[in-house]
């Protein structure tokens, strides 16, 4: 019997010996790769949160302690250690596990957030309700894989810092969403991350190696002792432990159709997406405009306008000033 076969609820994760944690992390990655290879889904982000999931369920008592995930597509390992291993083999099928948190699947899924930037607002509301009921339990918001790039997340941070509500924010910093994020708040961004959160009224712990369960567990236990909101900054690698994902510089196999687990290659060619069709249509429209017409329609860009990140037949001359578009 594998270690993972012995886990049907978070209490089983807490009962594991420290020497078993690396092995069960490997088993979780194998289960994720096998199911996503068969059914498609989000791969890279989930391979990066395996150790974090184990540490969270060792440091907190879900569902008594509220754990909210953001983005919701990072929860595959969480599903596997909360009694859904059989359903996970049929991931994203009608008779299987959802690709996102689903309240009808498990009491450990508190909210159904498919995409980004909602967890901090949820956490604030959960903390207010807890305090009104005079309960003593933890509220944890796991935010990452691009989720901290949305404005709603910053509103949530502001609410937490201003109110002083006792919430633990776990920042899963993999430096990416689909592609690398552009931010001075990332570990290599050059900004003072601690000072940023402190200015908003949140304590800061980290950064912590997101693939070291023992280090993560220690940081999360430390965070439990704070009576004010605190951020635990965790550094993870998207696609960790699966070489084809780590070698994919574009997306780290973020979202995939069924694939060959030996190579990471899709079993059938990918059909054109809406984005592909839209880009092709715009390119054709640009080619249809004579260069002389493009020159006559030229509009001087404002000084702060960014240059075109990609060459196109229309070119940078299509940047319009804000006043010209009103």
C-alpha atoms as a PDB file:
ATOM      1  CA  UNK A   1       0.000   0.000   0.000  1.00  0.00           C
ATOM      2  CA  UNK A   2       1.328   3.438  -0.923  1.00  0.00           C
ATOM      3  CA  UNK A   3       1.437   6.265   1.595  1.00  0.00           C
ATOM      4  CA  UNK A   4      -1.196   8.137  -0.411  1.00  0.00           C
ATOM      5  CA  UNK A   5      -3.553   5.149  -0.120  1.00  0.00           C
ATOM      6  CA  UNK A   6      -3.498   5.674   3.647  1.00  0.00           C
ATOM      7  CA  UNK A   7      -4.715   9.271   3.351  1.00  0.00           C
ATOM      8  CA  UNK A   8      -8.459   9.891   3.282  1.00  0.00           C
ATOM      9  CA  UNK A   9      -8.627  13.119   5.306  1.00  0.00           C
ATOM     10  CA  UNK A  10      -6.286  15.880   6.519  1.00  0.00           C
ATOM     11  CA  UNK A  11      -5.816  14.179   9.907  1.00  0.00           C
ATOM     12  CA  UNK A  12      -3.991  11.406   8.042  1.00  0.00           C
ATOM     13  CA  UNK A  13      -1.558  13.969   6.641  1.00  0.00           C
ATOM     14  CA  UNK A  14      -0.837  15.238  10.150  1.00  0.00           C
ATOM     15  CA  UNK A  15      -0.155  11.675  11.311  1.00  0.00           C
ATOM     16  CA  UNK A  16       2.604  11.100   8.741  1.00  0.00           C
ATOM     17  CA  UNK A  17       6.145  10.814   9.990  1.00  0.00           C
ATOM     18  CA  UNK A  18       8.529  13.499   8.708  1.00  0.00           C
ATOM     19  CA  UNK A  19      10.505  10.837   6.835  1.00  0.00           C
ATOM     20  CA  UNK A  20       7.392   9.990   4.783  1.00  0.00           C
ATOM     21  CA  UNK A  21       6.715  13.488   3.463  1.00  0.00           C
ATOM     22  CA  UNK A  22       9.085  13.447   0.474  1.00  0.00           C
ATOM     23  CA  UNK A  23       7.724  10.072  -0.621  1.00  0.00           C
ATOM     24  CA  UNK A  24       4.078  11.129  -0.410  1.00  0.00           C
ATOM     25  CA  UNK A  25       4.915  14.322  -2.312  1.00  0.00           C
ATOM     26  CA  UNK A  26       6.261  12.149  -5.118  1.00  0.00           C
ATOM     27  CA  UNK A  27       3.117  10.003  -5.045  1.00  0.00           C
ATOM     28  CA  UNK A  28       0.921  13.099  -5.239  1.00  0.00           C
ATOM     29  CA  UNK A  29       2.841  14.374  -8.267  1.00  0.00           C
ATOM     30  CA  UNK A  30       2.527  11.004  -9.979  1.00  0.00           C
ATOM     31  CA  UNK A  31      -1.244  10.926  -9.343  1.00  0.00           C
ATOM     32  CA  UNK A  32      -1.643  14.456 -10.705  1.00  0.00           C
ATOM     33  CA  UNK A  33       0.400  13.712 -13.827  1.00  0.00           C
ATOM     34  CA  UNK A  34      -1.469  10.446 -14.507  1.00  0.00           C
ATOM     35  CA  UNK A  35      -4.939  11.985 -14.175  1.00  0.00           C
ATOM     36  CA  UNK A  36      -4.184  15.157 -16.128  1.00  0.00           C
ATOM     37  CA  UNK A  37      -2.463  13.111 -18.851  1.00  0.00           C
ATOM     38  CA  UNK A  38      -5.696  11.142 -19.227  1.00  0.00           C
ATOM     39  CA  UNK A  39      -8.256  13.915 -18.805  1.00  0.00           C
ATOM     40  CA  UNK A  40      -6.520  17.226 -19.420  1.00  0.00           C
ATOM     41  CA  UNK A  41      -6.486  20.080 -16.928  1.00  0.00           C
ATOM     42  CA  UNK A  42      -4.144  22.426 -15.075  1.00  0.00           C
ATOM     43  CA  UNK A  43      -0.793  20.737 -14.615  1.00  0.00           C
ATOM     44  CA  UNK A  44       2.090  23.119 -13.926  1.00  0.00           C
ATOM     45  CA  UNK A  45       0.461  25.109 -11.132  1.00  0.00           C
ATOM     46  CA  UNK A  46      -0.597  21.966  -9.266  1.00  0.00           C
ATOM     47  CA  UNK A  47       2.825  20.367  -9.474  1.00  0.00           C
ATOM     48  CA  UNK A  48       4.135  23.495  -7.767  1.00  0.00           C
ATOM     49  CA  UNK A  49       1.794  23.355  -4.757  1.00  0.00           C
ATOM     50  CA  UNK A  50       2.293  19.756  -3.605  1.00  0.00           C
ATOM     51  CA  UNK A  51       4.566  20.444  -0.614  1.00  0.00           C
ATOM     52  CA  UNK A  52       2.579  23.578   0.256  1.00  0.00           C
ATOM     53  CA  UNK A  53      -0.619  21.510   0.385  1.00  0.00           C
ATOM     54  CA  UNK A  54       0.968  18.982   2.728  1.00  0.00           C
ATOM     55  CA  UNK A  55       2.291  21.721   5.021  1.00  0.00           C
ATOM     56  CA  UNK A  56      -1.068  23.516   5.114  1.00  0.00           C
ATOM     57  CA  UNK A  57      -2.916  20.376   6.158  1.00  0.00           C
ATOM     58  CA  UNK A  58      -0.287  19.620   8.808  1.00  0.00           C
ATOM     59  CA  UNK A  59      -0.352  23.123  10.277  1.00  0.00           C
ATOM     60  CA  UNK A  60      -4.127  23.693  10.154  1.00  0.00           C
ATOM     61  CA  UNK A  61      -7.218  21.668  10.965  1.00  0.00           C
ATOM     62  CA  UNK A  62      -9.498  21.898   7.922  1.00  0.00           C
ATOM     63  CA  UNK A  63     -12.477  22.447   7.824  1.00  0.00           C
ATOM     64  CA  UNK A  64     -12.458  23.865  11.371  1.00  0.00           C
ATOM     65  CA  UNK A  65      -9.763  26.207  10.120  1.00  0.00           C
ATOM     66  CA  UNK A  66     -10.922  27.865   6.892  1.00  0.00           C
ATOM     67  CA  UNK A  67      -8.532  27.460   3.944  1.00  0.00           C
ATOM     68  CA  UNK A  68      -9.440  29.323   0.740  1.00  0.00           C
ATOM     69  CA  UNK A  69      -7.487  28.693  -2.483  1.00  0.00           C
ATOM     70  CA  UNK A  70      -6.869  31.307  -5.170  1.00  0.00           C
ATOM     71  CA  UNK A  71      -6.614  30.541  -7.988  1.00  0.00           C
ATOM     72  CA  UNK A  72      -8.930  27.598  -7.569  1.00  0.00           C
ATOM     73  CA  UNK A  73      -7.125  25.546 -10.191  1.00  0.00           C
ATOM     74  CA  UNK A  74      -4.219  24.952  -7.752  1.00  0.00           C
ATOM     75  CA  UNK A  75      -6.220  22.486  -5.618  1.00  0.00           C
ATOM     76  CA  UNK A  76      -5.462  19.081  -7.159  1.00  0.00           C
ATOM     77  CA  UNK A  77      -3.195  17.893  -4.331  1.00  0.00           C
ATOM     78  CA  UNK A  78      -5.714  19.322  -1.856  1.00  0.00           C
ATOM     79  CA  UNK A  79      -8.422  17.159  -3.445  1.00  0.00           C
ATOM     80  CA  UNK A  80      -6.223  14.072  -3.251  1.00  0.00           C
ATOM     81  CA  UNK A  81      -5.653  14.409   0.514  1.00  0.00           C
ATOM     82  CA  UNK A  82      -9.276  15.234   1.344  1.00  0.00           C
ATOM     83  CA  UNK A  83     -10.926  11.960   0.354  1.00  0.00           C
ATOM     84  CA  UNK A  84     -11.320  12.346  -3.415  1.00  0.00           C
ATOM     85  CA  UNK A  85      -8.705  10.039  -4.886  1.00  0.00           C
ATOM     86  CA  UNK A  86     -11.199   7.842  -6.748  1.00  0.00           C
ATOM     87  CA  UNK A  87     -13.043  10.831  -8.223  1.00  0.00           C
ATOM     88  CA  UNK A  88      -9.740  12.511  -9.105  1.00  0.00           C
ATOM     89  CA  UNK A  89      -8.918   9.691 -11.525  1.00  0.00           C
ATOM     90  CA  UNK A  90     -11.921  10.977 -13.532  1.00  0.00           C
ATOM     91  CA  UNK A  91     -10.897  14.634 -13.253  1.00  0.00           C
ATOM     92  CA  UNK A  92     -13.158  17.137 -15.064  1.00  0.00           C
ATOM     93  CA  UNK A  93     -15.678  14.453 -16.061  1.00  0.00           C
ATOM     94  CA  UNK A  94     -19.352  14.407 -15.124  1.00  0.00           C
ATOM     95  CA  UNK A  95     -18.823  11.526 -12.693  1.00  0.00           C
ATOM     96  CA  UNK A  96     -15.463  12.734 -11.398  1.00  0.00           C
ATOM     97  CA  UNK A  97     -13.798  15.557  -9.526  1.00  0.00           C
ATOM     98  CA  UNK A  98     -14.159  19.155 -10.618  1.00  0.00           C
ATOM     99  CA  UNK A  99     -11.053  20.985 -11.771  1.00  0.00           C
ATOM    100  CA  UNK A 100     -11.794  23.680  -9.178  1.00  0.00           C
ATOM    101  CA  UNK A 101     -12.977  23.815  -5.556  1.00  0.00           C
ATOM    102  CA  UNK A 102     -16.514  22.420  -5.341  1.00  0.00           C
ATOM    103  CA  UNK A 103     -18.629  22.622  -2.204  1.00  0.00           C
ATOM    104  CA  UNK A 104     -20.761  19.642  -3.207  1.00  0.00           C
ATOM    105  CA  UNK A 105     -17.610  17.490  -3.311  1.00  0.00           C
ATOM    106  CA  UNK A 106     -16.145  18.184   0.099  1.00  0.00           C
ATOM    107  CA  UNK A 107     -16.534  20.184   3.296  1.00  0.00           C
ATOM    108  CA  UNK A 108     -12.911  21.215   2.762  1.00  0.00           C
ATOM    109  CA  UNK A 109     -13.884  23.346  -0.268  1.00  0.00           C
ATOM    110  CA  UNK A 110     -15.368  26.491   1.254  1.00  0.00           C
ATOM    111  CA  UNK A 111     -15.837  28.581  -1.887  1.00  0.00           C
ATOM    112  CA  UNK A 112     -16.106  27.864  -5.601  1.00  0.00           C
ATOM    113  CA  UNK A 113     -13.610  30.264  -7.127  1.00  0.00           C
ATOM    114  CA  UNK A 114     -12.553  29.209 -10.571  1.00  0.00           C
ATOM    115  CA  UNK A 115     -10.097  32.001 -11.170  1.00  0.00           C
ATOM    116  CA  UNK A 116      -8.184  34.804  -9.580  1.00  0.00           C
ATOM    117  CA  UNK A 117      -8.031  37.477  -6.920  1.00  0.00           C
ATOM    118  CA  UNK A 118     -11.080  36.650  -4.764  1.00  0.00           C
ATOM    119  CA  UNK A 119      -9.537  34.830  -1.790  1.00  0.00           C
ATOM    120  CA  UNK A 120      -8.550  37.844   0.302  1.00  0.00           C
ATOM    121  CA  UNK A 121     -12.066  39.260   0.185  1.00  0.00           C
ATOM    122  CA  UNK A 122     -13.468  35.844   1.108  1.00  0.00           C
ATOM    123  CA  UNK A 123     -10.953  35.593   3.941  1.00  0.00           C
ATOM    124  CA  UNK A 124     -11.882  39.036   5.252  1.00  0.00           C
ATOM    125  CA  UNK A 125     -15.575  38.088   5.302  1.00  0.00           C
ATOM    126  CA  UNK A 126     -14.853  34.749   6.981  1.00  0.00           C
ATOM    127  CA  UNK A 127     -12.752  36.499   9.612  1.00  0.00           C
ATOM    128  CA  UNK A 128     -15.494  39.046  10.329  1.00  0.00           C
ATOM    129  CA  UNK A 129     -18.046  36.230  10.750  1.00  0.00           C
ATOM    130  CA  UNK A 130     -15.664  34.284  13.003  1.00  0.00           C
ATOM    131  CA  UNK A 131     -15.027  37.285  15.228  1.00  0.00           C
ATOM    132  CA  UNK A 132     -18.720  38.148  15.500  1.00  0.00           C
ATOM    133  CA  UNK A 133     -19.369  34.568  16.640  1.00  0.00           C
ATOM    134  CA  UNK A 134     -16.454  34.773  19.133  1.00  0.00           C
ATOM    135  CA  UNK A 135     -14.890  31.657  17.604  1.00  0.00           C
ATOM    136  CA  UNK A 136     -11.235  30.737  17.876  1.00  0.00           C
ATOM    137  CA  UNK A 137     -10.131  29.343  14.543  1.00  0.00           C
ATOM    138  CA  UNK A 138      -7.781  30.294  11.754  1.00  0.00           C
ATOM    139  CA  UNK A 139      -8.653  31.772   8.355  1.00  0.00           C
ATOM    140  CA  UNK A 140      -6.066  31.098   5.633  1.00  0.00           C
ATOM    141  CA  UNK A 141      -6.031  32.547   2.115  1.00  0.00           C
ATOM    142  CA  UNK A 142      -3.670  30.837  -0.341  1.00  0.00           C
ATOM    143  CA  UNK A 143      -3.113  33.265  -3.200  1.00  0.00           C
ATOM    144  CA  UNK A 144      -0.792  32.835  -6.167  1.00  0.00           C
ATOM    145  CA  UNK A 145      -0.234  31.675  -9.737  1.00  0.00           C
ATOM    146  CA  UNK A 146      -1.003  35.219 -10.863  1.00  0.00           C
ATOM    147  CA  UNK A 147      -3.880  35.833  -8.440  1.00  0.00           C
ATOM    148  CA  UNK A 148      -2.105  38.753  -6.747  1.00  0.00           C
ATOM    149  CA  UNK A 149      -2.102  40.684 -10.035  1.00  0.00           C
ATOM    150  CA  UNK A 150      -5.825  41.519  -9.772  1.00  0.00           C
ATOM    151  CA  UNK A 151      -7.147  44.715  -8.245  1.00  0.00           C
ATOM    152  CA  UNK A 152      -9.662  42.888  -6.051  1.00  0.00           C
ATOM    153  CA  UNK A 153      -6.746  41.253  -4.220  1.00  0.00           C
ATOM    154  CA  UNK A 154      -5.319  44.652  -3.282  1.00  0.00           C
ATOM    155  CA  UNK A 155      -8.698  45.799  -2.024  1.00  0.00           C
ATOM    156  CA  UNK A 156      -8.729  42.679   0.152  1.00  0.00           C
ATOM    157  CA  UNK A 157      -5.221  43.379   1.450  1.00  0.00           C
ATOM    158  CA  UNK A 158      -6.246  46.928   2.305  1.00  0.00           C
ATOM    159  CA  UNK A 159      -9.324  45.702   4.186  1.00  0.00           C
ATOM    160  CA  UNK A 160      -7.285  43.164   6.134  1.00  0.00           C
ATOM    161  CA  UNK A 161      -4.557  45.610   7.084  1.00  0.00           C
ATOM    162  CA  UNK A 162      -6.944  48.412   7.991  1.00  0.00           C
ATOM    163  CA  UNK A 163      -9.173  46.176  10.103  1.00  0.00           C
ATOM    164  CA  UNK A 164      -6.392  44.150  11.729  1.00  0.00           C
ATOM    165  CA  UNK A 165      -8.422  40.954  11.290  1.00  0.00           C
ATOM    166  CA  UNK A 166      -6.517  37.797  12.194  1.00  0.00           C
ATOM    167  CA  UNK A 167      -5.960  36.208   8.786  1.00  0.00           C
ATOM    168  CA  UNK A 168      -2.987  34.270   7.403  1.00  0.00           C
ATOM    169  CA  UNK A 169      -2.192  35.086   3.773  1.00  0.00           C
ATOM    170  CA  UNK A 170      -0.031  32.465   2.056  1.00  0.00           C
ATOM    171  CA  UNK A 171       1.519  34.046  -1.028  1.00  0.00           C
ATOM    172  CA  UNK A 172       2.414  31.250  -3.442  1.00  0.00           C
ATOM    173  CA  UNK A 173       4.989  33.121  -5.502  1.00  0.00           C
ATOM    174  CA  UNK A 174       5.909  31.096  -8.571  1.00  0.00           C
ATOM    175  CA  UNK A 175       6.669  34.245 -10.559  1.00  0.00           C
ATOM    176  CA  UNK A 176       4.011  33.406 -13.113  1.00  0.00           C
ATOM    177  CA  UNK A 177       0.399  33.261 -14.094  1.00  0.00           C
ATOM    178  CA  UNK A 178       0.220  31.645 -17.528  1.00  0.00           C
ATOM    179  CA  UNK A 179       3.508  33.356 -18.363  1.00  0.00           C
ATOM    180  CA  UNK A 180       6.029  35.156 -16.140  1.00  0.00           C
ATOM    181  CA  UNK A 181       4.413  38.002 -14.217  1.00  0.00           C
ATOM    182  CA  UNK A 182       5.787  41.527 -14.390  1.00  0.00           C
ATOM    183  CA  UNK A 183       5.986  42.773 -10.813  1.00  0.00           C
ATOM    184  CA  UNK A 184       8.489  44.154  -8.330  1.00  0.00           C
ATOM    185  CA  UNK A 185       6.705  42.134  -5.631  1.00  0.00           C
ATOM    186  CA  UNK A 186       8.016  38.797  -6.888  1.00  0.00           C
ATOM    187  CA  UNK A 187      11.073  37.310  -5.226  1.00  0.00           C
ATOM    188  CA  UNK A 188      13.369  38.523  -7.993  1.00  0.00           C
ATOM    189  CA  UNK A 189      11.515  41.729  -8.759  1.00  0.00           C
ATOM    190  CA  UNK A 190      13.864  44.038  -6.897  1.00  0.00           C
ATOM    191  CA  UNK A 191      11.213  45.643  -4.714  1.00  0.00           C
ATOM    192  CA  UNK A 192      10.977  45.596  -0.929  1.00  0.00           C
ATOM    193  CA  UNK A 193       8.190  43.057  -0.488  1.00  0.00           C
ATOM    194  CA  UNK A 194       8.246  43.207   3.306  1.00  0.00           C
ATOM    195  CA  UNK A 195       7.919  47.022   3.292  1.00  0.00           C
ATOM    196  CA  UNK A 196       5.009  46.825   0.838  1.00  0.00           C
ATOM    197  CA  UNK A 197       2.944  44.550   3.061  1.00  0.00           C
ATOM    198  CA  UNK A 198       3.990  46.415   6.207  1.00  0.00           C
ATOM    199  CA  UNK A 199       2.714  49.662   4.683  1.00  0.00           C
ATOM    200  CA  UNK A 200      -0.681  48.007   4.266  1.00  0.00           C
ATOM    201  CA  UNK A 201      -0.696  46.823   7.879  1.00  0.00           C
ATOM    202  CA  UNK A 202       0.294  43.162   7.441  1.00  0.00           C
ATOM    203  CA  UNK A 203       3.171  41.341   9.098  1.00  0.00           C
ATOM    204  CA  UNK A 204       5.552  39.481   6.778  1.00  0.00           C
ATOM    205  CA  UNK A 205       7.323  36.129   7.100  1.00  0.00           C
ATOM    206  CA  UNK A 206       9.656  34.755   4.461  1.00  0.00           C
ATOM    207  CA  UNK A 207      10.528  34.088   1.831  1.00  0.00           C
ATOM    208  CA  UNK A 208      10.228  30.336   2.480  1.00  0.00           C
ATOM    209  CA  UNK A 209      11.255  27.449   0.204  1.00  0.00           C
ATOM    210  CA  UNK A 210       7.907  26.189  -1.100  1.00  0.00           C
ATOM    211  CA  UNK A 211       9.273  22.691  -1.731  1.00  0.00           C
ATOM    212  CA  UNK A 212      10.540  22.076   1.811  1.00  0.00           C
ATOM    213  CA  UNK A 213       7.606  20.745   3.838  1.00  0.00           C
ATOM    214  CA  UNK A 214       9.393  21.102   7.172  1.00  0.00           C
ATOM    215  CA  UNK A 215      10.337  24.738   6.518  1.00  0.00           C
ATOM    216  CA  UNK A 216       6.833  25.515   5.320  1.00  0.00           C
ATOM    217  CA  UNK A 217       5.269  23.888   8.349  1.00  0.00           C
ATOM    218  CA  UNK A 218       7.496  25.876  10.702  1.00  0.00           C
ATOM    219  CA  UNK A 219       6.579  29.155   8.986  1.00  0.00           C
ATOM    220  CA  UNK A 220       2.857  28.379   9.063  1.00  0.00           C
ATOM    221  CA  UNK A 221       3.004  27.417  12.745  1.00  0.00           C
ATOM    222  CA  UNK A 222       4.776  30.729  13.421  1.00  0.00           C
ATOM    223  CA  UNK A 223       2.048  32.556  11.507  1.00  0.00           C
ATOM    224  CA  UNK A 224      -0.619  30.969  13.709  1.00  0.00           C
ATOM    225  CA  UNK A 225       0.747  32.929  16.641  1.00  0.00           C
ATOM    226  CA  UNK A 226       0.004  36.361  15.167  1.00  0.00           C
ATOM    227  CA  UNK A 227      -3.069  38.254  16.346  1.00  0.00           C
ATOM    228  CA  UNK A 228      -2.977  40.541  13.277  1.00  0.00           C
ATOM    229  CA  UNK A 229      -2.950  39.711   9.555  1.00  0.00           C
ATOM    230  CA  UNK A 230       0.298  38.145   8.380  1.00  0.00           C
ATOM    231  CA  UNK A 231       1.722  37.182   4.988  1.00  0.00           C
ATOM    232  CA  UNK A 232       3.797  34.018   4.569  1.00  0.00           C
ATOM    233  CA  UNK A 233       5.785  34.474   1.337  1.00  0.00           C
ATOM    234  CA  UNK A 234       6.378  31.070  -0.276  1.00  0.00           C
ATOM    235  CA  UNK A 235       8.615  30.567  -3.321  1.00  0.00           C
ATOM    236  CA  UNK A 236       7.588  27.671  -5.574  1.00  0.00           C
ATOM    237  CA  UNK A 237       8.486  26.450  -9.060  1.00  0.00           C
ATOM    238  CA  UNK A 238       5.646  25.929 -11.480  1.00  0.00           C
ATOM    239  CA  UNK A 239       5.835  22.423 -12.958  1.00  0.00           C
ATOM    240  CA  UNK A 240       8.192  21.242 -10.193  1.00  0.00           C
ATOM    241  CA  UNK A 241       9.157  17.584 -10.416  1.00  0.00           C
ATOM    242  CA  UNK A 242       8.093  16.936 -14.026  1.00  0.00           C
ATOM    243  CA  UNK A 243      10.807  17.726 -16.541  1.00  0.00           C
ATOM    244  CA  UNK A 244       8.591  18.488 -19.576  1.00  0.00           C
ATOM    245  CA  UNK A 245       6.765  21.122 -17.500  1.00  0.00           C
ATOM    246  CA  UNK A 246       9.977  22.606 -16.117  1.00  0.00           C
ATOM    247  CA  UNK A 247      11.390  22.783 -19.672  1.00  0.00           C
ATOM    248  CA  UNK A 248       8.316  24.594 -21.051  1.00  0.00           C
ATOM    249  CA  UNK A 249       9.526  28.196 -20.836  1.00  0.00           C
ATOM    250  CA  UNK A 250       6.280  29.616 -22.200  1.00  0.00           C
ATOM    251  CA  UNK A 251       3.710  28.196 -19.751  1.00  0.00           C
ATOM    252  CA  UNK A 252       5.297  25.361 -17.715  1.00  0.00           C
ATOM    253  CA  UNK A 253       2.459  23.194 -19.108  1.00  0.00           C
ATOM    254  CA  UNK A 254      -0.027  25.418 -17.288  1.00  0.00           C
ATOM    255  CA  UNK A 255      -3.131  23.981 -18.966  1.00  0.00           C
ATOM    256  CA  UNK A 256      -3.029  20.923 -21.179  1.00  0.00           C
ATOM    257  CA  UNK A 257      -5.146  18.559 -23.203  1.00  0.00           C
ATOM    258  CA  UNK A 258      -4.567  14.794 -22.725  1.00  0.00           C
ATOM    259  CA  UNK A 259      -0.881  14.046 -23.269  1.00  0.00           C
ATOM    260  CA  UNK A 260       1.775  11.349 -23.209  1.00  0.00           C
ATOM    261  CA  UNK A 261       3.192  11.414 -19.667  1.00  0.00           C
ATOM    262  CA  UNK A 262       6.528  10.083 -20.914  1.00  0.00           C
ATOM    263  CA  UNK A 263       7.113  13.135 -23.130  1.00  0.00           C
ATOM    264  CA  UNK A 264       4.570  15.789 -22.116  1.00  0.00           C
ATOM    265  CA  UNK A 265       3.426  16.002 -25.754  1.00  0.00           C
ATOM    266  CA  UNK A 266      -0.286  16.304 -26.552  1.00  0.00           C
ATOM    267  CA  UNK A 267      -1.891  13.154 -27.896  1.00  0.00           C
ATOM    268  CA  UNK A 268      -3.688  15.102 -30.624  1.00  0.00           C
ATOM    269  CA  UNK A 269      -2.783  18.459 -32.171  1.00  0.00           C
ATOM    270  CA  UNK A 270      -4.285  21.424 -30.357  1.00  0.00           C
ATOM    271  CA  UNK A 271      -7.262  22.975 -32.111  1.00  0.00           C
ATOM    272  CA  UNK A 272      -7.010  26.716 -32.805  1.00  0.00           C
ATOM    273  CA  UNK A 273      -8.227  28.782 -29.865  1.00  0.00           C
ATOM    274  CA  UNK A 274     -10.387  31.906 -29.900  1.00  0.00           C
ATOM    275  CA  UNK A 275      -7.219  33.889 -29.212  1.00  0.00           C
ATOM    276  CA  UNK A 276      -5.524  32.316 -32.244  1.00  0.00           C
ATOM    277  CA  UNK A 277      -8.493  33.149 -34.474  1.00  0.00           C
ATOM    278  CA  UNK A 278      -8.739  36.717 -33.181  1.00  0.00           C
ATOM    279  CA  UNK A 279      -5.007  37.352 -33.655  1.00  0.00           C
ATOM    280  CA  UNK A 280      -5.100  35.918 -37.180  1.00  0.00           C
ATOM    281  CA  UNK A 281      -8.086  38.111 -38.094  1.00  0.00           C
ATOM    282  CA  UNK A 282      -6.388  41.266 -36.795  1.00  0.00           C
ATOM    283  CA  UNK A 283      -3.214  40.390 -38.682  1.00  0.00           C
ATOM    284  CA  UNK A 284      -5.156  39.983 -41.922  1.00  0.00           C
ATOM    285  CA  UNK A 285      -6.940  43.297 -41.359  1.00  0.00           C
ATOM    286  CA  UNK A 286      -3.594  44.978 -40.824  1.00  0.00           C
ATOM    287  CA  UNK A 287      -2.206  43.566 -44.039  1.00  0.00           C
ATOM    288  CA  UNK A 288      -5.257  44.780 -45.936  1.00  0.00           C
ATOM    289  CA  UNK A 289      -4.611  48.418 -44.993  1.00  0.00           C
ATOM    290  CA  UNK A 290      -2.186  50.034 -47.468  1.00  0.00           C
ATOM    291  CA  UNK A 291       0.936  51.407 -45.840  1.00  0.00           C
ATOM    292  CA  UNK A 292       0.127  54.887 -47.141  1.00  0.00           C
ATOM    293  CA  UNK A 293      -3.260  54.771 -45.391  1.00  0.00           C
ATOM    294  CA  UNK A 294      -1.625  53.653 -42.174  1.00  0.00           C
ATOM    295  CA  UNK A 295       0.737  56.586 -42.406  1.00  0.00           C
ATOM    296  CA  UNK A 296      -2.111  59.111 -42.934  1.00  0.00           C
ATOM    297  CA  UNK A 297      -3.971  57.719 -39.910  1.00  0.00           C
ATOM    298  CA  UNK A 298      -0.962  58.026 -37.721  1.00  0.00           C
ATOM    299  CA  UNK A 299      -1.518  59.416 -34.247  1.00  0.00           C
ATOM    300  CA  UNK A 300       1.364  60.551 -32.073  1.00  0.00           C
ATOM    301  CA  UNK A 301       1.421  58.383 -28.921  1.00  0.00           C
ATOM    302  CA  UNK A 302       1.539  60.057 -25.519  1.00  0.00           C
ATOM    303  CA  UNK A 303       4.986  59.958 -23.843  1.00  0.00           C
ATOM    304  CA  UNK A 304       3.925  57.266 -21.356  1.00  0.00           C
ATOM    305  CA  UNK A 305       2.536  54.828 -23.930  1.00  0.00           C
ATOM    306  CA  UNK A 306       4.339  51.481 -23.926  1.00  0.00           C
ATOM    307  CA  UNK A 307       5.904  50.304 -27.161  1.00  0.00           C
ATOM    308  CA  UNK A 308       4.208  47.499 -29.032  1.00  0.00           C
ATOM    309  CA  UNK A 309       5.449  44.271 -27.489  1.00  0.00           C
ATOM    310  CA  UNK A 310       4.983  42.382 -30.696  1.00  0.00           C
ATOM    311  CA  UNK A 311       5.628  43.441 -34.278  1.00  0.00           C
ATOM    312  CA  UNK A 312       2.506  43.592 -36.394  1.00  0.00           C
ATOM    313  CA  UNK A 313       1.553  44.778 -39.884  1.00  0.00           C
ATOM    314  CA  UNK A 314      -0.215  47.771 -38.305  1.00  0.00           C
ATOM    315  CA  UNK A 315       2.791  48.639 -36.187  1.00  0.00           C
ATOM    316  CA  UNK A 316       3.259  50.992 -33.282  1.00  0.00           C
ATOM    317  CA  UNK A 317       1.626  53.872 -35.158  1.00  0.00           C
ATOM    318  CA  UNK A 318      -1.811  52.643 -34.054  1.00  0.00           C
ATOM    319  CA  UNK A 319      -1.256  53.713 -30.426  1.00  0.00           C
ATOM    320  CA  UNK A 320      -3.829  56.424 -29.750  1.00  0.00           C
ATOM    321  CA  UNK A 321      -3.707  59.104 -27.092  1.00  0.00           C
ATOM    322  CA  UNK A 322      -6.376  58.917 -24.362  1.00  0.00           C
ATOM    323  CA  UNK A 323      -8.036  62.116 -25.623  1.00  0.00           C
ATOM    324  CA  UNK A 324      -8.395  60.737 -29.135  1.00  0.00           C
ATOM    325  CA  UNK A 325     -10.412  57.720 -27.931  1.00  0.00           C
ATOM    326  CA  UNK A 326     -13.009  59.558 -25.847  1.00  0.00           C
END
